[in-house]
Amino acid sequence: MMKLKNIHPGEILLEEFLLPMEISQNKLANDIGVSPRRINEIVHGKRSVTADTDLRLSRALGTSEGFWLGLQADYDLEEKKASLKSALGKIKSLVSSEPEIGVFAGR
């Protein structure tokens, strides 16, 4: 089974928003009140999306608050999972695979 490429939020920003909407990185940066360098580094996968950037992008591009942070979290988890593959394989679960009835029922 072929593994899909882990896509950075910056690639989505560029390919799904900036290019189709014909918005330059510089214009977006100016419109949302951040430095053009911040947008450029995000687009090139050299910078993570922060809560501040998420809120600004969401307002400007019509996405829901948390959309960009969610993409960043997904990206970060996949990157970390790949780098910890060997270590994670050595960790044994401390819980049974089938939870007991009522364990989370407020008892």
Protein backbone atom coordinates (compact mmCIF):
# COMPACT_ATOMS: atom_id res chain seq x y z
CA MET A 1 0.00 0.00 0.00
CA MET A 2 1.43 3.36 -1.04
CA LYS A 3 1.60 6.06 1.65
CA LEU A 4 0.29 9.47 0.68
CA LYS A 5 2.53 12.50 1.00
CA ASN A 6 2.07 14.48 4.20
CA ILE A 7 0.83 17.87 3.01
CA HIS A 8 1.83 21.04 4.85
CA PRO A 9 -0.93 23.66 5.34
CA GLY A 10 1.16 26.08 3.27
CA GLU A 11 0.77 23.88 0.21
CA ILE A 12 -3.00 23.93 0.67
CA LEU A 13 -2.92 27.70 1.16
CA LEU A 14 -1.05 28.13 -2.11
CA GLU A 15 -2.74 25.49 -4.29
CA GLU A 16 -6.33 25.74 -3.05
CA PHE A 17 -6.61 29.44 -2.21
CA LEU A 18 -3.92 31.81 -3.47
CA LEU A 19 -3.43 30.45 -6.99
CA PRO A 20 -7.13 29.88 -7.84
CA MET A 21 -8.13 33.22 -6.31
CA GLU A 22 -5.20 34.97 -8.02
CA ILE A 23 -4.02 36.47 -4.73
CA SER A 24 -0.31 37.10 -4.26
CA GLN A 25 1.43 36.16 -1.05
CA ASN A 26 2.27 39.83 -0.58
CA LYS A 27 -1.35 40.96 -0.98
CA LEU A 28 -2.58 38.32 1.46
CA ALA A 29 0.07 39.33 3.99
CA ASN A 30 -0.83 43.00 3.70
CA ASP A 31 -4.57 42.30 3.87
CA ILE A 32 -4.29 40.23 7.05
CA GLY A 33 -1.67 42.41 8.73
CA VAL A 34 1.32 40.07 8.81
CA SER A 35 4.73 40.17 7.17
CA PRO A 36 5.06 38.79 3.64
CA ARG A 37 7.89 36.64 5.01
CA ARG A 38 5.45 34.84 7.35
CA ILE A 39 3.18 33.89 4.45
CA ASN A 40 6.12 32.90 2.25
CA GLU A 41 7.59 30.67 4.95
CA ILE A 42 4.22 29.00 5.53
CA VAL A 43 3.72 28.44 1.79
CA HIS A 44 7.17 26.83 1.57
CA GLY A 45 6.58 24.61 4.61
CA LYS A 46 9.26 26.36 6.65
CA ARG A 47 6.91 27.81 9.24
CA SER A 48 3.96 26.42 11.18
CA VAL A 49 0.52 27.99 11.27
CA THR A 50 -0.14 29.59 14.67
CA ALA A 51 -3.46 30.47 16.30
CA ASP A 52 -2.85 34.09 15.30
CA THR A 53 -2.31 33.17 11.66
CA ASP A 54 -5.27 30.77 11.71
CA LEU A 55 -7.67 33.48 12.84
CA ARG A 56 -6.37 35.95 10.27
CA LEU A 57 -6.47 33.45 7.38
CA SER A 58 -9.92 32.23 8.40
CA ARG A 59 -11.32 35.76 8.38
CA ALA A 60 -9.76 36.62 5.01
CA LEU A 61 -10.39 33.34 3.19
CA GLY A 62 -13.78 32.37 4.59
CA THR A 63 -12.68 29.22 6.38
CA SER A 64 -13.78 28.25 9.86
CA GLU A 65 -11.72 29.25 12.86
CA GLY A 66 -9.40 26.37 13.62
CA PHE A 67 -9.28 25.12 10.02
CA TRP A 68 -5.63 26.04 9.52
CA LEU A 69 -4.61 24.90 13.00
CA GLY A 70 -6.30 21.57 12.34
CA LEU A 71 -4.32 21.14 9.13
CA GLN A 72 -1.14 22.03 11.01
CA ALA A 73 -1.90 19.56 13.82
CA ASP A 74 -2.57 16.77 11.31
CA TYR A 75 0.69 17.56 9.52
CA ASP A 76 2.70 17.72 12.75
CA LEU A 77 1.26 14.41 14.03
CA GLU A 78 2.16 12.59 10.82
CA GLU A 79 5.67 14.03 10.83
CA LYS A 80 6.22 13.06 14.47
CA LYS A 81 4.68 9.61 13.97
CA ALA A 82 7.15 8.93 11.16
CA SER A 83 10.13 10.11 13.22
CA LEU A 84 9.06 8.07 16.28
CA LYS A 85 8.03 4.92 14.39
CA SER A 86 10.66 2.70 16.01
CA ALA A 87 10.14 4.09 19.52
CA LEU A 88 6.35 3.90 19.28
CA GLY A 89 6.57 0.27 18.18
CA LYS A 90 8.30 -0.59 21.47
CA ILE A 91 5.56 0.92 23.67
CA LYS A 92 3.05 -1.57 25.03
CA SER A 93 -0.53 -0.51 25.73
CA LEU A 94 -1.42 -0.23 29.41
CA VAL A 95 -5.14 -0.76 28.79
CA SER A 96 -7.06 -3.71 27.43
CA SER A 97 -8.28 -3.46 23.86
CA GLU A 98 -11.91 -3.78 25.00
CA PRO A 99 -12.98 -1.22 27.62
CA GLU A 100 -15.16 -2.47 30.44
CA ILE A 101 -18.79 -1.40 30.42
CA GLY A 102 -19.34 1.62 32.65
CA VAL A 103 -15.69 2.66 32.86
CA PHE A 104 -16.50 6.12 31.47
CA ALA A 105 -20.09 6.29 32.69
CA GLY A 106 -19.26 8.66 35.52
CA ARG A 107 -18.59 5.98 38.15
